[in-house]
Every structure is written in structure tokens, then in C-alpha cells.
Amino acid sequence: MDIVKQLENYRLENRISLQKLAEDLGVSFSTVSRWFSEKTKPSKIQQYHIGKFLNGKAKKVKR
């Protein structure tokens, strides 16, 4: 599954706003908005950090 789709699923399942998600990822609201509107894609390094974020959050939820 595409990393942006995974991020969107996480956001929707956890009822997190785009602003909160952007803050959690350390990027701007407009950056996250552009990813979800498919105007841009996360860079390789951003994809890496998103993956780490999602994996870390998944581990916390399982506890």
C-alpha cells in the first residue's frame, strides 16, 4: 500500500486533523495537504520518517 494511503488510513482511524498530523510529523499543514491531494509525493527521506512514525504509533496502539 502507498505510504500516503497508509498515513491517511491512520489519520482517519484515529480521528486526527491534518494540522495535528502535520505537527506530529514535523512538517507544515500545506505539505500534508499536498500529499493527500496528490499534488506532490513525500520525498524518500519523508517516506522513511512517515514509515517510522506509523510503525512507532502501531506499536503504541497494540499495548
PDB file of N, CA and C in Angstrom:
ATOM      1  N   MET A   1       0.848  -1.182   0.000  1.00  0.00           N
ATOM      2  CA  MET A   1       0.000   0.000   0.000  1.00  0.00           C
ATOM      3  C   MET A   1       0.892   1.243   0.000  1.00  0.00           C
ATOM      4  N   ASP A   2       0.485   2.229  -0.698  1.00  0.00           N
ATOM      5  CA  ASP A   2       1.182   3.506  -0.788  1.00  0.00           C
ATOM      6  C   ASP A   2       1.303   4.140   0.602  1.00  0.00           C
ATOM      7  N   ILE A   3       2.446   4.749   0.883  1.00  0.00           N
ATOM      8  CA  ILE A   3       2.710   5.339   2.199  1.00  0.00           C
ATOM      9  C   ILE A   3       1.710   6.443   2.540  1.00  0.00           C
ATOM     10  N   VAL A   4       1.295   7.213   1.548  1.00  0.00           N
ATOM     11  CA  VAL A   4       0.321   8.282   1.802  1.00  0.00           C
ATOM     12  C   VAL A   4      -1.040   7.674   2.148  1.00  0.00           C
ATOM     13  N   LYS A   5      -1.409   6.578   1.493  1.00  0.00           N
ATOM     14  CA  LYS A   5      -2.665   5.890   1.810  1.00  0.00           C
ATOM     15  C   LYS A   5      -2.624   5.364   3.242  1.00  0.00           C
ATOM     16  N   GLN A   6      -1.480   4.803   3.628  1.00  0.00           N
ATOM     17  CA  GLN A   6      -1.323   4.299   4.991  1.00  0.00           C
ATOM     18  C   GLN A   6      -1.475   5.434   5.999  1.00  0.00           C
ATOM     19  N   LEU A   7      -0.873   6.558   5.675  1.00  0.00           N
ATOM     20  CA  LEU A   7      -0.947   7.724   6.548  1.00  0.00           C
ATOM     21  C   LEU A   7      -2.388   8.236   6.646  1.00  0.00           C
ATOM     22  N   GLU A   8      -3.083   8.258   5.539  1.00  0.00           N
ATOM     23  CA  GLU A   8      -4.481   8.699   5.533  1.00  0.00           C
ATOM     24  C   GLU A   8      -5.351   7.738   6.337  1.00  0.00           C
ATOM     25  N   ASN A   9      -5.123   6.441   6.172  1.00  0.00           N
ATOM     26  CA  ASN A   9      -5.873   5.458   6.955  1.00  0.00           C
ATOM     27  C   ASN A   9      -5.628   5.654   8.446  1.00  0.00           C
ATOM     28  N   TYR A  10      -4.375   5.859   8.821  1.00  0.00           N
ATOM     29  CA  TYR A  10      -4.028   6.105  10.222  1.00  0.00           C
ATOM     30  C   TYR A  10      -4.764   7.347  10.731  1.00  0.00           C
ATOM     31  N   ARG A  11      -4.737   8.402   9.939  1.00  0.00           N
ATOM     32  CA  ARG A  11      -5.374   9.663  10.333  1.00  0.00           C
ATOM     33  C   ARG A  11      -6.878   9.484  10.541  1.00  0.00           C
ATOM     34  N   LEU A  12      -7.522   8.804   9.622  1.00  0.00           N
ATOM     35  CA  LEU A  12      -8.969   8.608   9.709  1.00  0.00           C
ATOM     36  C   LEU A  12      -9.349   7.677  10.863  1.00  0.00           C
ATOM     37  N   GLU A  13      -8.606   6.590  11.026  1.00  0.00           N
ATOM     38  CA  GLU A  13      -8.897   5.640  12.100  1.00  0.00           C
ATOM     39  C   GLU A  13      -8.747   6.277  13.474  1.00  0.00           C
ATOM     40  N   ASN A  14      -7.805   7.203  13.590  1.00  0.00           N
ATOM     41  CA  ASN A  14      -7.527   7.830  14.881  1.00  0.00           C
ATOM     42  C   ASN A  14      -8.145   9.213  15.021  1.00  0.00           C
ATOM     43  N   ARG A  15      -8.923   9.612  14.015  1.00  0.00           N
ATOM     44  CA  ARG A  15      -9.638  10.899  14.027  1.00  0.00           C
ATOM     45  C   ARG A  15      -8.709  12.068  14.338  1.00  0.00           C
ATOM     46  N   ILE A  16      -7.620  12.132  13.575  1.00  0.00           N
ATOM     47  CA  ILE A  16      -6.621  13.181  13.751  1.00  0.00           C
ATOM     48  C   ILE A  16      -6.776  14.198  12.622  1.00  0.00           C
ATOM     49  N   SER A  17      -6.706  15.462  12.962  1.00  0.00           N
ATOM     50  CA  SER A  17      -6.802  16.519  11.952  1.00  0.00           C
ATOM     51  C   SER A  17      -5.520  16.567  11.123  1.00  0.00           C
ATOM     52  N   LEU A  18      -5.616  17.177   9.955  1.00  0.00           N
ATOM     53  CA  LEU A  18      -4.416  17.361   9.132  1.00  0.00           C
ATOM     54  C   LEU A  18      -3.378  18.190   9.875  1.00  0.00           C
ATOM     55  N   GLN A  19      -3.830  19.207  10.597  1.00  0.00           N
ATOM     56  CA  GLN A  19      -2.910  20.064  11.348  1.00  0.00           C
ATOM     57  C   GLN A  19      -2.152  19.265  12.405  1.00  0.00           C
ATOM     58  N   LYS A  20      -2.857  18.432  13.165  1.00  0.00           N
ATOM     59  CA  LYS A  20      -2.226  17.616  14.211  1.00  0.00           C
ATOM     60  C   LYS A  20      -1.264  16.618  13.589  1.00  0.00           C
ATOM     61  N   LEU A  21      -1.660  16.011  12.489  1.00  0.00           N
ATOM     62  CA  LEU A  21      -0.791  15.059  11.809  1.00  0.00           C
ATOM     63  C   LEU A  21       0.477  15.749  11.332  1.00  0.00           C
ATOM     64  N   ALA A  22       0.333  16.919  10.751  1.00  0.00           N
ATOM     65  CA  ALA A  22       1.496  17.685  10.292  1.00  0.00           C
ATOM     66  C   ALA A  22       2.430  17.984  11.460  1.00  0.00           C
ATOM     67  N   GLU A  23       1.871  18.402  12.590  1.00  0.00           N
ATOM     68  CA  GLU A  23       2.685  18.689  13.772  1.00  0.00           C
ATOM     69  C   GLU A  23       3.415  17.436  14.243  1.00  0.00           C
ATOM     70  N   ASP A  24       2.710  16.309  14.281  1.00  0.00           N
ATOM     71  CA  ASP A  24       3.317  15.048  14.715  1.00  0.00           C
ATOM     72  C   ASP A  24       4.461  14.621  13.804  1.00  0.00           C
ATOM     73  N   LEU A  25       4.328  14.921  12.509  1.00  0.00           N
ATOM     74  CA  LEU A  25       5.356  14.545  11.533  1.00  0.00           C
ATOM     75  C   LEU A  25       6.460  15.588  11.410  1.00  0.00           C
ATOM     76  N   GLY A  26       6.228  16.777  11.961  1.00  0.00           N
ATOM     77  CA  GLY A  26       7.230  17.837  11.875  1.00  0.00           C
ATOM     78  C   GLY A  26       7.289  18.510  10.517  1.00  0.00           C
ATOM     79  N   VAL A  27       6.138  18.541   9.841  1.00  0.00           N
ATOM     80  CA  VAL A  27       6.046  19.224   8.545  1.00  0.00           C
ATOM     81  C   VAL A  27       4.887  20.210   8.611  1.00  0.00           C
ATOM     82  N   SER A  28       4.757  21.029   7.589  1.00  0.00           N
ATOM     83  CA  SER A  28       3.683  22.017   7.581  1.00  0.00           C
ATOM     84  C   SER A  28       2.349  21.380   7.168  1.00  0.00           C
ATOM     85  N   PHE A  29       1.288  22.067   7.553  1.00  0.00           N
ATOM     86  CA  PHE A  29      -0.056  21.660   7.149  1.00  0.00           C
ATOM     87  C   PHE A  29      -0.145  21.564   5.629  1.00  0.00           C
ATOM     88  N   SER A  30       0.419  22.567   4.935  1.00  0.00           N
ATOM     89  CA  SER A  30       0.322  22.590   3.471  1.00  0.00           C
ATOM     90  C   SER A  30       1.047  21.405   2.841  1.00  0.00           C
ATOM     91  N   THR A  31       2.125  20.956   3.461  1.00  0.00           N
ATOM     92  CA  THR A  31       2.843  19.787   2.942  1.00  0.00           C
ATOM     93  C   THR A  31       1.951  18.554   2.999  1.00  0.00           C
ATOM     94  N   VAL A  32       1.341  18.315   4.141  1.00  0.00           N
ATOM     95  CA  VAL A  32       0.455  17.158   4.297  1.00  0.00           C
ATOM     96  C   VAL A  32      -0.743  17.279   3.357  1.00  0.00           C
ATOM     97  N   SER A  33      -1.288  18.464   3.239  1.00  0.00           N
ATOM     98  CA  SER A  33      -2.418  18.697   2.348  1.00  0.00           C
ATOM     99  C   SER A  33      -2.056  18.374   0.897  1.00  0.00           C
ATOM    100  N   ARG A  34      -0.873  18.763   0.478  1.00  0.00           N
ATOM    101  CA  ARG A  34      -0.432  18.473  -0.900  1.00  0.00           C
ATOM    102  C   ARG A  34      -0.248  16.973  -1.116  1.00  0.00           C
ATOM    103  N   TRP A  35       0.228  16.252  -0.096  1.00  0.00           N
ATOM    104  CA  TRP A  35       0.359  14.799  -0.223  1.00  0.00           C
ATOM    105  C   TRP A  35      -1.007  14.166  -0.447  1.00  0.00           C
ATOM    106  N   PHE A  36      -1.994  14.553   0.373  1.00  0.00           N
ATOM    107  CA  PHE A  36      -3.309  13.934   0.294  1.00  0.00           C
ATOM    108  C   PHE A  36      -4.077  14.338  -0.954  1.00  0.00           C
ATOM    109  N   SER A  37      -3.790  15.494  -1.496  1.00  0.00           N
ATOM    110  CA  SER A  37      -4.452  15.914  -2.738  1.00  0.00           C
ATOM    111  C   SER A  37      -3.673  15.449  -3.966  1.00  0.00           C
ATOM    112  N   GLU A  38      -2.588  14.711  -3.735  1.00  0.00           N
ATOM    113  CA  GLU A  38      -1.733  14.136  -4.778  1.00  0.00           C
ATOM    114  C   GLU A  38      -1.070  15.181  -5.656  1.00  0.00           C
ATOM    115  N   LYS A  39      -0.873  16.390  -5.115  1.00  0.00           N
ATOM    116  CA  LYS A  39      -0.138  17.416  -5.855  1.00  0.00           C
ATOM    117  C   LYS A  39       1.358  17.153  -5.788  1.00  0.00           C
ATOM    118  N   THR A  40       1.796  16.576  -4.676  1.00  0.00           N
ATOM    119  CA  THR A  40       3.194  16.172  -4.511  1.00  0.00           C
ATOM    120  C   THR A  40       3.220  14.840  -3.780  1.00  0.00           C
ATOM    121  N   LYS A  41       4.393  14.227  -3.777  1.00  0.00           N
ATOM    122  CA  LYS A  41       4.616  12.999  -3.027  1.00  0.00           C
ATOM    123  C   LYS A  41       5.711  13.263  -2.008  1.00  0.00           C
ATOM    124  N   PRO A  42       5.680  12.545  -0.901  1.00  0.00           N
ATOM    125  CA  PRO A  42       6.758  12.708   0.069  1.00  0.00           C
ATOM    126  C   PRO A  42       8.096  12.286  -0.550  1.00  0.00           C
ATOM    127  N   SER A  43       9.143  13.007  -0.185  1.00  0.00           N
ATOM    128  CA  SER A  43      10.479  12.630  -0.644  1.00  0.00           C
ATOM    129  C   SER A  43      10.853  11.289  -0.013  1.00  0.00           C
ATOM    130  N   LYS A  44      11.934  10.705  -0.462  1.00  0.00           N
ATOM    131  CA  LYS A  44      12.390   9.420   0.090  1.00  0.00           C
ATOM    132  C   LYS A  44      12.630   9.532   1.592  1.00  0.00           C
ATOM    133  N   ILE A  45      13.268  10.609   2.023  1.00  0.00           N
ATOM    134  CA  ILE A  45      13.543  10.779   3.453  1.00  0.00           C
ATOM    135  C   ILE A  45      12.240  10.993   4.224  1.00  0.00           C
ATOM    136  N   GLN A  46      11.300  11.721   3.637  1.00  0.00           N
ATOM    137  CA  GLN A  46       9.998  11.903   4.292  1.00  0.00           C
ATOM    138  C   GLN A  46       9.261  10.568   4.385  1.00  0.00           C
ATOM    139  N   GLN A  47       9.348   9.753   3.341  1.00  0.00           N
ATOM    140  CA  GLN A  47       8.716   8.436   3.361  1.00  0.00           C
ATOM    141  C   GLN A  47       9.308   7.575   4.472  1.00  0.00           C
ATOM    142  N   TYR A  48      10.617   7.671   4.640  1.00  0.00           N
ATOM    143  CA  TYR A  48      11.296   6.932   5.705  1.00  0.00           C
ATOM    144  C   TYR A  48      10.751   7.356   7.068  1.00  0.00           C
ATOM    145  N   HIS A  49      10.657   8.660   7.292  1.00  0.00           N
ATOM    146  CA  HIS A  49      10.173   9.175   8.575  1.00  0.00           C
ATOM    147  C   HIS A  49       8.689   8.853   8.794  1.00  0.00           C
ATOM    148  N   ILE A  50       7.904   8.892   7.735  1.00  0.00           N
ATOM    149  CA  ILE A  50       6.491   8.515   7.844  1.00  0.00           C
ATOM    150  C   ILE A  50       6.383   7.046   8.246  1.00  0.00           C
ATOM    151  N   GLY A  51       7.187   6.198   7.616  1.00  0.00           N
ATOM    152  CA  GLY A  51       7.199   4.773   7.954  1.00  0.00           C
ATOM    153  C   GLY A  51       7.554   4.541   9.414  1.00  0.00           C
ATOM    154  N   LYS A  52       8.578   5.243   9.893  1.00  0.00           N
ATOM    155  CA  LYS A  52       8.967   5.123  11.301  1.00  0.00           C
ATOM    156  C   LYS A  52       7.843   5.612  12.210  1.00  0.00           C
ATOM    157  N   PHE A  53       7.213   6.710  11.829  1.00  0.00           N
ATOM    158  CA  PHE A  53       6.097   7.266  12.599  1.00  0.00           C
ATOM    159  C   PHE A  53       4.965   6.240  12.688  1.00  0.00           C
ATOM    160  N   LEU A  54       4.574   5.681  11.556  1.00  0.00           N
ATOM    161  CA  LEU A  54       3.468   4.724  11.537  1.00  0.00           C
ATOM    162  C   LEU A  54       3.814   3.463  12.318  1.00  0.00           C
ATOM    163  N   ASN A  55       5.027   2.969  12.183  1.00  0.00           N
ATOM    164  CA  ASN A  55       5.433   1.770  12.918  1.00  0.00           C
ATOM    165  C   ASN A  55       5.476   2.037  14.412  1.00  0.00           C
ATOM    166  N   GLY A  56       5.960   3.191  14.799  1.00  0.00           N
ATOM    167  CA  GLY A  56       6.005   3.548  16.212  1.00  0.00           C
ATOM    168  C   GLY A  56       4.620   3.694  16.808  1.00  0.00           C
ATOM    169  N   LYS A  57       3.712   4.310  16.062  1.00  0.00           N
ATOM    170  CA  LYS A  57       2.341   4.501  16.536  1.00  0.00           C
ATOM    171  C   LYS A  57       1.621   3.159  16.629  1.00  0.00           C
ATOM    172  N   ALA A  58       1.868   2.273  15.677  1.00  0.00           N
ATOM    173  CA  ALA A  58       1.215   0.966  15.687  1.00  0.00           C
ATOM    174  C   ALA A  58       1.641   0.170  16.920  1.00  0.00           C
ATOM    175  N   LYS A  59       2.913   0.262  17.288  1.00  0.00           N
ATOM    176  CA  LYS A  59       3.395  -0.449  18.473  1.00  0.00           C
ATOM    177  C   LYS A  59       2.752   0.106  19.733  1.00  0.00           C
ATOM    178  N   LYS A  60       2.583   1.419  19.797  1.00  0.00           N
ATOM    179  CA  LYS A  60       1.969   2.035  20.977  1.00  0.00           C
ATOM    180  C   LYS A  60       0.506   1.642  21.101  1.00  0.00           C
ATOM    181  N   VAL A  61      -0.183   1.527  19.966  1.00  0.00           N
ATOM    182  CA  VAL A  61      -1.608   1.184  19.985  1.00  0.00           C
ATOM    183  C   VAL A  61      -1.805  -0.255  20.447  1.00  0.00           C
ATOM    184  N   LYS A  62      -0.887  -1.164  20.089  1.00  0.00           N
ATOM    185  CA  LYS A  62      -1.016  -2.579  20.437  1.00  0.00           C
ATOM    186  C   LYS A  62      -0.910  -2.823  21.935  1.00  0.00           C
ATOM    187  N   ARG A  63      -0.245  -1.956  22.670  1.00  0.00           N
ATOM    188  CA  ARG A  63      -0.020  -2.181  24.111  1.00  0.00           C
ATOM    189  C   ARG A  63      -1.267  -2.156  24.894  1.00  0.00           C
TER     190      ARG A  63
END
